[in-house]
Amino acid sequence: MYRKRNEKIDYAGKSLSLSEWAKELGIKRQTLWQRLYKYNLTVDEALSNGKYLQKQKGRKITWGEKISEAKKGKAPYKMTDEIRKKIGRKGELNKKYIKDRTKLKEGRKHAFSYRYKDWMKNVKNRDLWVCQLKSENCSGRLEAHHIMPWSQSPELRYEVNNGISLCHYHHPKKREEEQRLAPVFQEMVLRPVYEQAVNI
């Protein structure tokens, strides 16, 4: 049964509300409410702290209370250098550490370098900022595509003739497609260069 907030509780010759009894006992109103309605204690047991504590002696202790009891009197946990080494395993302690630093992958940092941006701009300028596989399907942003892959030919990475302008739709999505189209792209790029050389 839920008592209304202002309903008076008679005990030991006094008639006080739940909040007033909580102040009198020096506990929270919620704690007193739980004693009365959650644990179904009598008014006598709930309002006399001594009787309530005796009643609690036989109850089961929760995990939170067990942990707090286990920590009593112990110093707080401190992170030592030895523990940090075990956890972090940074640098040479890490099993994936590569001693030969020249074998490290470059990642996508090249995409933000001035040299790479300059290469993209030169490729697009050469192709007049138009997709070289012009068709009605052309859509999306214009991209400078490496004909010979970036990872396999480091000497050709910034060579303008190793790039071709393609829209997002025509840009190869898979490695097999890239390898199949590489000879076609090379011919498209090098044919105008050959024709210019012959005409001179």
N, C-alpha and C. Protein backbone atom coordinates (compact mmCIF):
# COMPACT_ATOMS: atom_id res chain seq x y z
N MET A 1 0.84 -1.18 0.00
CA MET A 1 0.00 0.00 0.00
C MET A 1 0.88 1.24 0.00
N TYR A 2 0.55 2.20 -0.86
CA TYR A 2 1.35 3.42 -0.97
C TYR A 2 0.74 4.53 -0.14
N ARG A 3 1.51 5.10 0.77
CA ARG A 3 1.03 6.20 1.60
C ARG A 3 1.18 7.51 0.84
N LYS A 4 0.21 8.39 1.02
CA LYS A 4 0.32 9.71 0.44
C LYS A 4 1.40 10.48 1.18
N ARG A 5 2.00 11.43 0.49
CA ARG A 5 3.11 12.19 1.06
C ARG A 5 2.74 12.86 2.39
N ASN A 6 1.55 13.43 2.46
CA ASN A 6 1.15 14.20 3.65
C ASN A 6 0.46 13.35 4.72
N GLU A 7 0.25 12.08 4.42
CA GLU A 7 -0.44 11.21 5.39
C GLU A 7 0.45 11.02 6.61
N LYS A 8 -0.13 11.12 7.80
CA LYS A 8 0.63 11.07 9.05
C LYS A 8 0.83 9.62 9.50
N ILE A 9 2.00 9.38 10.09
CA ILE A 9 2.32 8.05 10.64
C ILE A 9 2.42 8.22 12.16
N ASP A 10 1.63 7.48 12.89
CA ASP A 10 1.63 7.56 14.36
C ASP A 10 2.61 6.54 14.92
N TYR A 11 3.56 7.06 15.77
CA TYR A 11 4.54 6.16 16.40
C TYR A 11 5.14 6.88 17.61
N ALA A 12 5.24 6.18 18.72
CA ALA A 12 5.85 6.68 19.95
C ALA A 12 5.24 8.01 20.39
N GLY A 13 3.92 8.15 20.28
CA GLY A 13 3.22 9.36 20.73
C GLY A 13 3.36 10.54 19.77
N LYS A 14 3.98 10.33 18.61
CA LYS A 14 4.11 11.41 17.64
C LYS A 14 3.33 11.05 16.39
N SER A 15 2.84 12.10 15.71
CA SER A 15 2.14 11.92 14.44
C SER A 15 2.81 12.82 13.40
N LEU A 16 3.69 12.20 12.57
CA LEU A 16 4.48 12.96 11.58
C LEU A 16 4.32 12.35 10.19
N SER A 17 4.61 13.16 9.15
CA SER A 17 4.57 12.65 7.77
C SER A 17 5.84 11.84 7.49
N LEU A 18 5.87 11.18 6.35
CA LEU A 18 7.02 10.35 5.97
C LEU A 18 8.30 11.19 5.91
N SER A 19 8.21 12.39 5.31
CA SER A 19 9.38 13.28 5.20
C SER A 19 9.85 13.74 6.57
N GLU A 20 8.91 14.05 7.45
CA GLU A 20 9.26 14.53 8.81
C GLU A 20 9.92 13.42 9.62
N TRP A 21 9.40 12.17 9.47
CA TRP A 21 10.03 11.04 10.17
C TRP A 21 11.45 10.80 9.65
N ALA A 22 11.65 10.95 8.36
CA ALA A 22 12.99 10.76 7.76
C ALA A 22 13.97 11.78 8.33
N LYS A 23 13.51 13.05 8.48
CA LYS A 23 14.37 14.09 9.08
C LYS A 23 14.68 13.77 10.52
N GLU A 24 13.69 13.30 11.21
CA GLU A 24 13.84 12.96 12.63
C GLU A 24 14.89 11.85 12.82
N LEU A 25 14.85 10.85 11.93
CA LEU A 25 15.78 9.71 12.03
C LEU A 25 17.14 10.01 11.40
N GLY A 26 17.20 11.08 10.58
CA GLY A 26 18.47 11.44 9.92
C GLY A 26 18.76 10.56 8.72
N ILE A 27 17.71 10.12 8.04
CA ILE A 27 17.87 9.30 6.83
C ILE A 27 17.07 9.94 5.70
N LYS A 28 17.26 9.43 4.49
CA LYS A 28 16.50 9.94 3.34
C LYS A 28 15.06 9.45 3.40
N ARG A 29 14.16 10.26 2.81
CA ARG A 29 12.74 9.89 2.76
C ARG A 29 12.56 8.60 1.95
N GLN A 30 13.37 8.49 0.87
CA GLN A 30 13.29 7.31 0.00
C GLN A 30 13.67 6.04 0.77
N THR A 31 14.70 6.15 1.63
CA THR A 31 15.15 5.00 2.42
C THR A 31 14.03 4.53 3.36
N LEU A 32 13.38 5.51 3.99
CA LEU A 32 12.28 5.17 4.91
C LEU A 32 11.11 4.56 4.13
N TRP A 33 10.82 5.12 2.95
CA TRP A 33 9.75 4.59 2.12
C TRP A 33 10.03 3.13 1.74
N GLN A 34 11.32 2.84 1.40
CA GLN A 34 11.70 1.46 1.04
C GLN A 34 11.53 0.52 2.22
N ARG A 35 11.91 0.98 3.41
CA ARG A 35 11.75 0.14 4.60
C ARG A 35 10.28 -0.26 4.79
N LEU A 36 9.40 0.73 4.58
CA LEU A 36 7.98 0.48 4.84
C LEU A 36 7.30 -0.34 3.75
N TYR A 37 7.61 -0.02 2.48
CA TYR A 37 6.83 -0.59 1.38
C TYR A 37 7.58 -1.60 0.51
N LYS A 38 8.89 -1.44 0.39
CA LYS A 38 9.64 -2.40 -0.44
C LYS A 38 9.97 -3.65 0.37
N TYR A 39 10.48 -3.42 1.61
CA TYR A 39 10.86 -4.56 2.46
C TYR A 39 9.72 -5.00 3.38
N ASN A 40 8.58 -4.31 3.30
CA ASN A 40 7.38 -4.65 4.10
C ASN A 40 7.66 -4.78 5.60
N LEU A 41 8.42 -3.84 6.14
CA LEU A 41 8.67 -3.83 7.58
C LEU A 41 7.50 -3.16 8.29
N THR A 42 7.33 -3.47 9.55
CA THR A 42 6.29 -2.80 10.33
C THR A 42 6.76 -1.38 10.64
N VAL A 43 5.83 -0.54 11.04
CA VAL A 43 6.17 0.86 11.36
C VAL A 43 7.19 0.89 12.49
N ASP A 44 7.01 0.01 13.49
CA ASP A 44 7.92 -0.06 14.63
C ASP A 44 9.35 -0.39 14.16
N GLU A 45 9.50 -1.40 13.27
CA GLU A 45 10.82 -1.81 12.78
C GLU A 45 11.45 -0.74 11.87
N ALA A 46 10.62 -0.11 11.04
CA ALA A 46 11.13 0.87 10.08
C ALA A 46 11.60 2.16 10.76
N LEU A 47 10.86 2.59 11.81
CA LEU A 47 11.17 3.87 12.44
C LEU A 47 12.21 3.78 13.56
N SER A 48 12.48 2.59 14.07
CA SER A 48 13.54 2.47 15.08
C SER A 48 14.76 1.88 14.40
N ASN A 49 15.79 2.71 14.26
CA ASN A 49 16.99 2.31 13.52
C ASN A 49 17.62 1.04 14.07
N GLY A 50 17.63 0.90 15.40
CA GLY A 50 18.26 -0.26 16.02
C GLY A 50 17.58 -1.55 15.60
N LYS A 51 16.24 -1.58 15.63
CA LYS A 51 15.49 -2.78 15.25
C LYS A 51 15.66 -3.09 13.77
N TYR A 52 15.71 -2.03 12.95
CA TYR A 52 15.87 -2.21 11.49
C TYR A 52 17.22 -2.87 11.19
N LEU A 53 18.27 -2.41 11.88
CA LEU A 53 19.61 -2.96 11.64
C LEU A 53 19.70 -4.41 12.10
N GLN A 54 19.01 -4.76 13.22
CA GLN A 54 18.98 -6.15 13.67
C GLN A 54 18.29 -7.03 12.63
N LYS A 55 17.22 -6.50 12.05
CA LYS A 55 16.47 -7.23 11.03
C LYS A 55 17.35 -7.50 9.80
N GLN A 56 18.25 -6.56 9.47
CA GLN A 56 19.10 -6.65 8.28
C GLN A 56 20.25 -7.66 8.44
N LYS A 57 20.55 -8.08 9.67
CA LYS A 57 21.69 -8.97 9.90
C LYS A 57 21.58 -10.28 9.14
N GLY A 58 20.41 -10.81 8.96
CA GLY A 58 20.24 -12.10 8.29
C GLY A 58 20.05 -12.00 6.79
N ARG A 59 20.01 -10.80 6.22
CA ARG A 59 19.71 -10.66 4.79
C ARG A 59 20.93 -10.98 3.93
N LYS A 60 20.70 -11.26 2.65
CA LYS A 60 21.77 -11.57 1.72
C LYS A 60 22.47 -10.28 1.29
N ILE A 61 23.80 -10.34 1.21
CA ILE A 61 24.58 -9.16 0.80
C ILE A 61 24.72 -9.16 -0.71
N THR A 62 24.52 -8.00 -1.32
CA THR A 62 24.64 -7.89 -2.78
C THR A 62 26.10 -7.81 -3.19
N TRP A 63 26.37 -7.98 -4.50
CA TRP A 63 27.75 -7.95 -5.01
C TRP A 63 28.42 -6.61 -4.75
N GLY A 64 27.65 -5.52 -4.91
CA GLY A 64 28.21 -4.18 -4.69
C GLY A 64 28.74 -4.02 -3.28
N GLU A 65 27.98 -4.54 -2.31
CA GLU A 65 28.39 -4.45 -0.91
C GLU A 65 29.59 -5.34 -0.64
N LYS A 66 29.64 -6.52 -1.27
CA LYS A 66 30.79 -7.41 -1.09
C LYS A 66 32.07 -6.76 -1.59
N ILE A 67 31.97 -6.08 -2.76
CA ILE A 67 33.14 -5.41 -3.34
C ILE A 67 33.61 -4.29 -2.43
N SER A 68 32.66 -3.48 -1.93
CA SER A 68 33.04 -2.36 -1.07
C SER A 68 33.66 -2.88 0.24
N GLU A 69 33.16 -4.01 0.76
CA GLU A 69 33.75 -4.60 1.96
C GLU A 69 35.15 -5.12 1.69
N ALA A 70 35.36 -5.69 0.50
CA ALA A 70 36.68 -6.23 0.14
C ALA A 70 37.72 -5.12 0.01
N LYS A 71 37.27 -3.93 -0.40
CA LYS A 71 38.20 -2.81 -0.60
C LYS A 71 38.52 -2.06 0.69
N LYS A 72 37.77 -2.35 1.76
CA LYS A 72 37.97 -1.62 3.02
C LYS A 72 39.39 -1.80 3.54
N GLY A 73 40.02 -0.67 3.87
CA GLY A 73 41.36 -0.71 4.45
C GLY A 73 42.48 -0.91 3.45
N LYS A 74 42.15 -1.08 2.16
CA LYS A 74 43.18 -1.27 1.15
C LYS A 74 43.51 0.06 0.47
N ALA A 75 44.76 0.20 0.07
CA ALA A 75 45.19 1.42 -0.62
C ALA A 75 44.59 1.44 -2.03
N PRO A 76 44.32 2.63 -2.58
CA PRO A 76 43.77 2.68 -3.94
C PRO A 76 44.75 2.13 -4.97
N TYR A 77 44.21 1.60 -6.05
CA TYR A 77 45.02 0.98 -7.11
C TYR A 77 45.91 2.02 -7.78
N LYS A 78 47.19 1.70 -7.93
CA LYS A 78 48.13 2.61 -8.58
C LYS A 78 48.73 1.93 -9.80
N MET A 79 48.81 2.70 -10.90
CA MET A 79 49.41 2.21 -12.14
C MET A 79 50.92 2.38 -12.05
N THR A 80 51.65 1.28 -12.09
CA THR A 80 53.12 1.35 -12.06
C THR A 80 53.67 1.26 -13.47
N ASP A 81 54.96 1.59 -13.61
CA ASP A 81 55.62 1.51 -14.93
C ASP A 81 55.63 0.08 -15.46
N GLU A 82 55.78 -0.87 -14.56
CA GLU A 82 55.81 -2.29 -14.96
C GLU A 82 54.46 -2.71 -15.54
N ILE A 83 53.37 -2.27 -14.90
CA ILE A 83 52.03 -2.60 -15.40
C ILE A 83 51.78 -1.91 -16.73
N ARG A 84 52.23 -0.65 -16.84
CA ARG A 84 52.07 0.09 -18.10
C ARG A 84 52.75 -0.62 -19.25
N LYS A 85 53.96 -1.16 -19.00
CA LYS A 85 54.69 -1.89 -20.05
C LYS A 85 53.92 -3.12 -20.50
N LYS A 86 53.33 -3.83 -19.54
CA LYS A 86 52.56 -5.03 -19.87
C LYS A 86 51.31 -4.69 -20.69
N ILE A 87 50.64 -3.60 -20.31
CA ILE A 87 49.40 -3.22 -20.98
C ILE A 87 49.68 -2.61 -22.34
N GLY A 88 50.58 -1.61 -22.39
CA GLY A 88 50.80 -0.84 -23.61
C GLY A 88 51.51 -1.59 -24.71
N ARG A 89 52.63 -2.22 -24.37
CA ARG A 89 53.45 -2.92 -25.35
C ARG A 89 53.70 -2.02 -26.58
N LYS A 90 54.16 -0.81 -26.31
CA LYS A 90 54.41 0.13 -27.40
C LYS A 90 55.83 -0.06 -27.90
N GLY A 91 56.03 0.38 -29.14
CA GLY A 91 57.37 0.35 -29.73
C GLY A 91 57.87 -1.06 -29.94
N GLU A 92 59.11 -1.31 -29.58
CA GLU A 92 59.76 -2.59 -29.85
C GLU A 92 59.16 -3.74 -29.04
N LEU A 93 58.45 -3.45 -27.94
CA LEU A 93 57.82 -4.50 -27.14
C LEU A 93 56.61 -5.12 -27.85
N ASN A 94 56.00 -4.37 -28.77
CA ASN A 94 54.83 -4.87 -29.49
C ASN A 94 55.26 -5.95 -30.48
N LYS A 95 54.48 -7.06 -30.54
CA LYS A 95 54.86 -8.18 -31.41
C LYS A 95 54.74 -7.83 -32.89
N LYS A 96 53.96 -6.79 -33.24
CA LYS A 96 53.81 -6.40 -34.64
C LYS A 96 54.79 -5.30 -35.05
N TYR A 97 55.72 -4.96 -34.16
CA TYR A 97 56.68 -3.89 -34.44
C TYR A 97 57.61 -4.29 -35.58
N ILE A 98 57.81 -3.38 -36.56
CA ILE A 98 58.70 -3.64 -37.70
C ILE A 98 60.00 -2.89 -37.47
N LYS A 99 61.10 -3.65 -37.32
CA LYS A 99 62.40 -3.02 -37.04
C LYS A 99 62.90 -2.22 -38.23
N ASP A 100 62.72 -2.76 -39.44
CA ASP A 100 63.14 -2.04 -40.65
C ASP A 100 62.06 -1.02 -40.99
N ARG A 101 62.28 0.25 -40.64
CA ARG A 101 61.26 1.29 -40.78
C ARG A 101 60.97 1.66 -42.24
N THR A 102 61.81 1.19 -43.17
CA THR A 102 61.56 1.47 -44.59
C THR A 102 60.42 0.61 -45.14
N LYS A 103 60.09 -0.49 -44.43
CA LYS A 103 59.04 -1.40 -44.89
C LYS A 103 57.64 -0.98 -44.41
N LEU A 104 57.55 0.14 -43.72
CA LEU A 104 56.25 0.61 -43.23
C LEU A 104 55.38 1.08 -44.38
N LYS A 105 54.09 0.81 -44.27
CA LYS A 105 53.15 1.28 -45.29
C LYS A 105 52.94 2.78 -45.13
N GLU A 106 52.76 3.46 -46.24
CA GLU A 106 52.57 4.90 -46.20
C GLU A 106 51.14 5.27 -45.81
N GLY A 107 50.20 4.42 -46.07
CA GLY A 107 48.81 4.71 -45.76
C GLY A 107 48.25 5.76 -46.71
N ARG A 108 47.27 6.53 -46.24
CA ARG A 108 46.62 7.53 -47.09
C ARG A 108 47.18 8.93 -46.87
N LYS A 109 48.33 9.05 -46.21
CA LYS A 109 48.91 10.37 -45.96
C LYS A 109 49.26 11.07 -47.26
N HIS A 110 49.61 10.26 -48.29
CA HIS A 110 50.00 10.84 -49.59
C HIS A 110 48.87 11.68 -50.19
N ALA A 111 47.62 11.33 -49.85
CA ALA A 111 46.47 12.03 -50.44
C ALA A 111 46.40 13.49 -50.00
N PHE A 112 47.12 13.84 -48.94
CA PHE A 112 47.08 15.20 -48.44
C PHE A 112 48.36 15.97 -48.74
N SER A 113 49.30 15.33 -49.43
CA SER A 113 50.57 16.02 -49.73
C SER A 113 50.40 16.94 -50.93
N TYR A 114 51.23 18.00 -50.99
CA TYR A 114 51.16 18.97 -52.09
C TYR A 114 51.55 18.30 -53.41
N ARG A 115 52.51 17.39 -53.33
CA ARG A 115 52.98 16.71 -54.54
C ARG A 115 51.84 15.91 -55.19
N TYR A 116 51.07 15.20 -54.37
CA TYR A 116 49.95 14.40 -54.87
C TYR A 116 48.85 15.28 -55.43
N LYS A 117 48.54 16.36 -54.72
CA LYS A 117 47.50 17.29 -55.19
C LYS A 117 47.92 17.94 -56.51
N ASP A 118 49.20 18.26 -56.62
CA ASP A 118 49.73 18.86 -57.85
C ASP A 118 49.61 17.86 -59.02
N TRP A 119 49.91 16.58 -58.74
CA TRP A 119 49.78 15.52 -59.75
C TRP A 119 48.33 15.42 -60.23
N MET A 120 47.39 15.40 -59.30
CA MET A 120 45.96 15.30 -59.66
C MET A 120 45.54 16.48 -60.53
N LYS A 121 45.97 17.67 -60.14
CA LYS A 121 45.60 18.87 -60.89
C LYS A 121 46.17 18.83 -62.31
N ASN A 122 47.42 18.39 -62.46
CA ASN A 122 48.07 18.31 -63.78
C ASN A 122 47.37 17.28 -64.68
N VAL A 123 46.98 16.14 -64.11
CA VAL A 123 46.27 15.10 -64.88
C VAL A 123 44.93 15.65 -65.37
N LYS A 124 44.19 16.31 -64.50
CA LYS A 124 42.88 16.85 -64.87
C LYS A 124 43.00 17.99 -65.88
N ASN A 125 44.04 18.82 -65.73
CA ASN A 125 44.27 19.91 -66.69
C ASN A 125 44.59 19.35 -68.08
N ARG A 126 45.40 18.29 -68.12
CA ARG A 126 45.75 17.66 -69.40
C ARG A 126 44.50 17.12 -70.10
N ASP A 127 43.58 16.55 -69.30
CA ASP A 127 42.36 15.96 -69.86
C ASP A 127 41.21 16.96 -69.95
N LEU A 128 41.51 18.25 -69.74
CA LEU A 128 40.53 19.34 -69.84
C LEU A 128 39.35 19.16 -68.87
N TRP A 129 39.60 18.56 -67.74
CA TRP A 129 38.63 18.37 -66.67
C TRP A 129 37.36 17.65 -67.17
N VAL A 130 37.60 16.64 -68.04
CA VAL A 130 36.50 15.84 -68.59
C VAL A 130 36.83 14.37 -68.42
N CYS A 131 35.82 13.55 -68.10
CA CYS A 131 36.02 12.10 -68.00
C CYS A 131 36.42 11.57 -69.37
N GLN A 132 37.47 10.74 -69.43
CA GLN A 132 37.99 10.24 -70.69
C GLN A 132 37.16 9.09 -71.28
N LEU A 133 36.26 8.52 -70.50
CA LEU A 133 35.33 7.51 -71.00
C LEU A 133 33.95 8.16 -71.15
N LYS A 134 33.91 9.21 -71.94
CA LYS A 134 32.69 10.01 -72.07
C LYS A 134 31.51 9.14 -72.51
N SER A 135 30.42 9.23 -71.76
CA SER A 135 29.17 8.55 -72.14
C SER A 135 28.02 9.20 -71.40
N GLU A 136 26.80 8.75 -71.71
CA GLU A 136 25.63 9.32 -71.03
C GLU A 136 25.56 8.88 -69.56
N ASN A 137 26.37 7.86 -69.18
CA ASN A 137 26.37 7.36 -67.80
C ASN A 137 27.25 8.18 -66.87
N CYS A 138 28.06 9.09 -67.41
CA CYS A 138 29.00 9.86 -66.58
C CYS A 138 28.26 10.56 -65.44
N SER A 139 28.75 10.36 -64.23
CA SER A 139 28.16 11.02 -63.05
C SER A 139 29.17 11.05 -61.92
N GLY A 140 28.96 11.92 -60.97
CA GLY A 140 29.83 12.02 -59.79
C GLY A 140 31.03 12.90 -60.05
N ARG A 141 31.87 13.02 -59.02
CA ARG A 141 33.03 13.91 -59.10
C ARG A 141 34.08 13.34 -60.05
N LEU A 142 34.94 14.22 -60.55
CA LEU A 142 36.04 13.81 -61.43
C LEU A 142 37.22 13.38 -60.57
N GLU A 143 37.81 12.23 -60.90
CA GLU A 143 38.92 11.68 -60.11
C GLU A 143 40.12 11.43 -61.00
N ALA A 144 41.31 11.65 -60.46
CA ALA A 144 42.55 11.32 -61.16
C ALA A 144 42.92 9.89 -60.75
N HIS A 145 42.89 8.97 -61.72
CA HIS A 145 43.12 7.55 -61.44
C HIS A 145 44.53 7.14 -61.88
N HIS A 146 45.23 6.40 -61.02
CA HIS A 146 46.56 5.85 -61.37
C HIS A 146 46.35 4.64 -62.29
N ILE A 147 46.96 4.67 -63.46
CA ILE A 147 46.84 3.54 -64.40
C ILE A 147 47.62 2.35 -63.85
N MET A 148 48.90 2.56 -63.57
CA MET A 148 49.69 1.54 -62.87
C MET A 148 49.50 1.80 -61.38
N PRO A 149 49.07 0.82 -60.58
CA PRO A 149 48.69 1.05 -59.18
C PRO A 149 49.77 1.74 -58.35
N TRP A 150 49.33 2.53 -57.42
CA TRP A 150 50.19 3.29 -56.49
C TRP A 150 51.15 2.37 -55.75
N SER A 151 50.65 1.24 -55.26
CA SER A 151 51.48 0.35 -54.43
C SER A 151 52.51 -0.42 -55.25
N GLN A 152 52.19 -0.74 -56.52
CA GLN A 152 53.08 -1.59 -57.32
C GLN A 152 54.13 -0.83 -58.11
N SER A 153 53.91 0.46 -58.34
CA SER A 153 54.88 1.23 -59.15
C SER A 153 55.20 2.56 -58.49
N PRO A 154 56.06 2.55 -57.46
CA PRO A 154 56.38 3.80 -56.75
C PRO A 154 57.07 4.84 -57.63
N GLU A 155 57.81 4.39 -58.66
CA GLU A 155 58.53 5.34 -59.52
C GLU A 155 57.58 6.11 -60.44
N LEU A 156 56.37 5.60 -60.65
CA LEU A 156 55.40 6.27 -61.53
C LEU A 156 54.28 7.00 -60.78
N ARG A 157 54.42 7.10 -59.47
CA ARG A 157 53.34 7.67 -58.66
C ARG A 157 52.97 9.10 -59.06
N TYR A 158 53.97 9.91 -59.35
CA TYR A 158 53.71 11.31 -59.65
C TYR A 158 53.96 11.63 -61.12
N GLU A 159 53.97 10.60 -61.97
CA GLU A 159 54.13 10.77 -63.42
C GLU A 159 52.76 11.10 -64.01
N VAL A 160 52.66 12.23 -64.71
CA VAL A 160 51.37 12.68 -65.25
C VAL A 160 50.81 11.67 -66.25
N ASN A 161 51.68 11.02 -67.04
CA ASN A 161 51.21 10.04 -68.03
C ASN A 161 50.77 8.72 -67.41
N ASN A 162 50.92 8.59 -66.08
CA ASN A 162 50.42 7.41 -65.38
C ASN A 162 49.04 7.69 -64.77
N GLY A 163 48.44 8.81 -65.14
CA GLY A 163 47.13 9.16 -64.61
C GLY A 163 46.13 9.42 -65.71
N ILE A 164 44.86 9.23 -65.40
CA ILE A 164 43.78 9.50 -66.34
C ILE A 164 42.58 10.03 -65.55
N SER A 165 41.87 10.99 -66.13
CA SER A 165 40.70 11.58 -65.46
C SER A 165 39.46 10.73 -65.75
N LEU A 166 38.82 10.30 -64.69
CA LEU A 166 37.60 9.49 -64.80
C LEU A 166 36.55 10.01 -63.83
N CYS A 167 35.29 9.94 -64.25
CA CYS A 167 34.22 10.31 -63.32
C CYS A 167 34.05 9.17 -62.30
N HIS A 168 33.29 9.45 -61.27
CA HIS A 168 33.10 8.46 -60.21
C HIS A 168 32.43 7.18 -60.74
N TYR A 169 31.54 7.32 -61.70
CA TYR A 169 30.83 6.16 -62.27
C TYR A 169 31.81 5.24 -63.01
N HIS A 170 32.75 5.82 -63.79
CA HIS A 170 33.67 5.02 -64.60
C HIS A 170 34.94 4.60 -63.86
N HIS A 171 35.18 5.15 -62.68
CA HIS A 171 36.39 4.80 -61.93
C HIS A 171 36.31 3.34 -61.52
N PRO A 172 37.37 2.52 -61.81
CA PRO A 172 37.33 1.08 -61.45
C PRO A 172 37.12 0.88 -59.95
N LYS A 173 36.23 -0.04 -59.61
CA LYS A 173 35.90 -0.29 -58.20
C LYS A 173 36.70 -1.45 -57.62
N LYS A 174 37.12 -2.40 -58.49
CA LYS A 174 37.83 -3.59 -58.01
C LYS A 174 39.20 -3.71 -58.67
N ARG A 175 40.09 -4.44 -58.00
CA ARG A 175 41.47 -4.61 -58.49
C ARG A 175 41.49 -5.32 -59.85
N GLU A 176 40.62 -6.35 -60.05
CA GLU A 176 40.59 -7.08 -61.32
C GLU A 176 40.16 -6.16 -62.47
N GLU A 177 39.16 -5.34 -62.19
CA GLU A 177 38.67 -4.39 -63.19
C GLU A 177 39.77 -3.37 -63.54
N GLU A 178 40.51 -2.95 -62.52
CA GLU A 178 41.62 -2.00 -62.70
C GLU A 178 42.69 -2.60 -63.61
N GLN A 179 43.06 -3.86 -63.36
CA GLN A 179 44.09 -4.54 -64.17
C GLN A 179 43.61 -4.77 -65.61
N ARG A 180 42.34 -5.08 -65.78
CA ARG A 180 41.79 -5.32 -67.12
C ARG A 180 41.79 -4.05 -67.96
N LEU A 181 41.49 -2.91 -67.32
CA LEU A 181 41.38 -1.64 -68.05
C LEU A 181 42.71 -0.89 -68.19
N ALA A 182 43.76 -1.31 -67.47
CA ALA A 182 45.05 -0.60 -67.49
C ALA A 182 45.61 -0.43 -68.91
N PRO A 183 45.66 -1.48 -69.77
CA PRO A 183 46.18 -1.29 -71.13
C PRO A 183 45.36 -0.30 -71.96
N VAL A 184 44.04 -0.32 -71.78
CA VAL A 184 43.16 0.61 -72.50
C VAL A 184 43.46 2.05 -72.10
N PHE A 185 43.60 2.27 -70.79
CA PHE A 185 43.89 3.61 -70.29
C PHE A 185 45.27 4.09 -70.78
N GLN A 186 46.26 3.18 -70.77
CA GLN A 186 47.61 3.55 -71.24
C GLN A 186 47.57 3.99 -72.70
N GLU A 187 46.84 3.26 -73.51
CA GLU A 187 46.73 3.61 -74.93
C GLU A 187 46.05 4.97 -75.11
N MET A 188 44.99 5.20 -74.32
CA MET A 188 44.26 6.48 -74.40
C MET A 188 45.15 7.66 -74.04
N VAL A 189 45.99 7.47 -73.04
CA VAL A 189 46.86 8.56 -72.58
C VAL A 189 48.04 8.77 -73.52
N LEU A 190 48.65 7.68 -73.97
CA LEU A 190 49.88 7.78 -74.76
C LEU A 190 49.65 8.04 -76.25
N ARG A 191 48.45 7.77 -76.77
CA ARG A 191 48.18 8.00 -78.19
C ARG A 191 48.37 9.47 -78.58
N PRO A 192 47.80 10.46 -77.83
CA PRO A 192 48.01 11.87 -78.19
C PRO A 192 49.49 12.27 -78.11
N VAL A 193 50.20 11.71 -77.12
CA VAL A 193 51.64 12.02 -76.98
C VAL A 193 52.39 11.50 -78.20
N TYR A 194 52.06 10.28 -78.66
CA TYR A 194 52.70 9.66 -79.84
C TYR A 194 52.40 10.48 -81.10
N GLU A 195 51.11 10.86 -81.23
CA GLU A 195 50.70 11.63 -82.40
C GLU A 195 51.42 12.98 -82.46
N GLN A 196 51.60 13.61 -81.29
CA GLN A 196 52.32 14.88 -81.24
C GLN A 196 53.77 14.69 -81.66
N ALA A 197 54.39 13.61 -81.19
CA ALA A 197 55.81 13.34 -81.50
C ALA A 197 55.99 13.08 -83.00
N VAL A 198 55.04 12.38 -83.62
CA VAL A 198 55.11 12.07 -85.06
C VAL A 198 54.96 13.33 -85.90
N ASN A 199 54.04 14.21 -85.50
CA ASN A 199 53.78 15.45 -86.22
C ASN A 199 54.94 16.43 -86.17
N ILE A 200 55.75 16.35 -85.12
CA ILE A 200 56.91 17.24 -85.00
C ILE A 200 57.98 16.75 -85.95
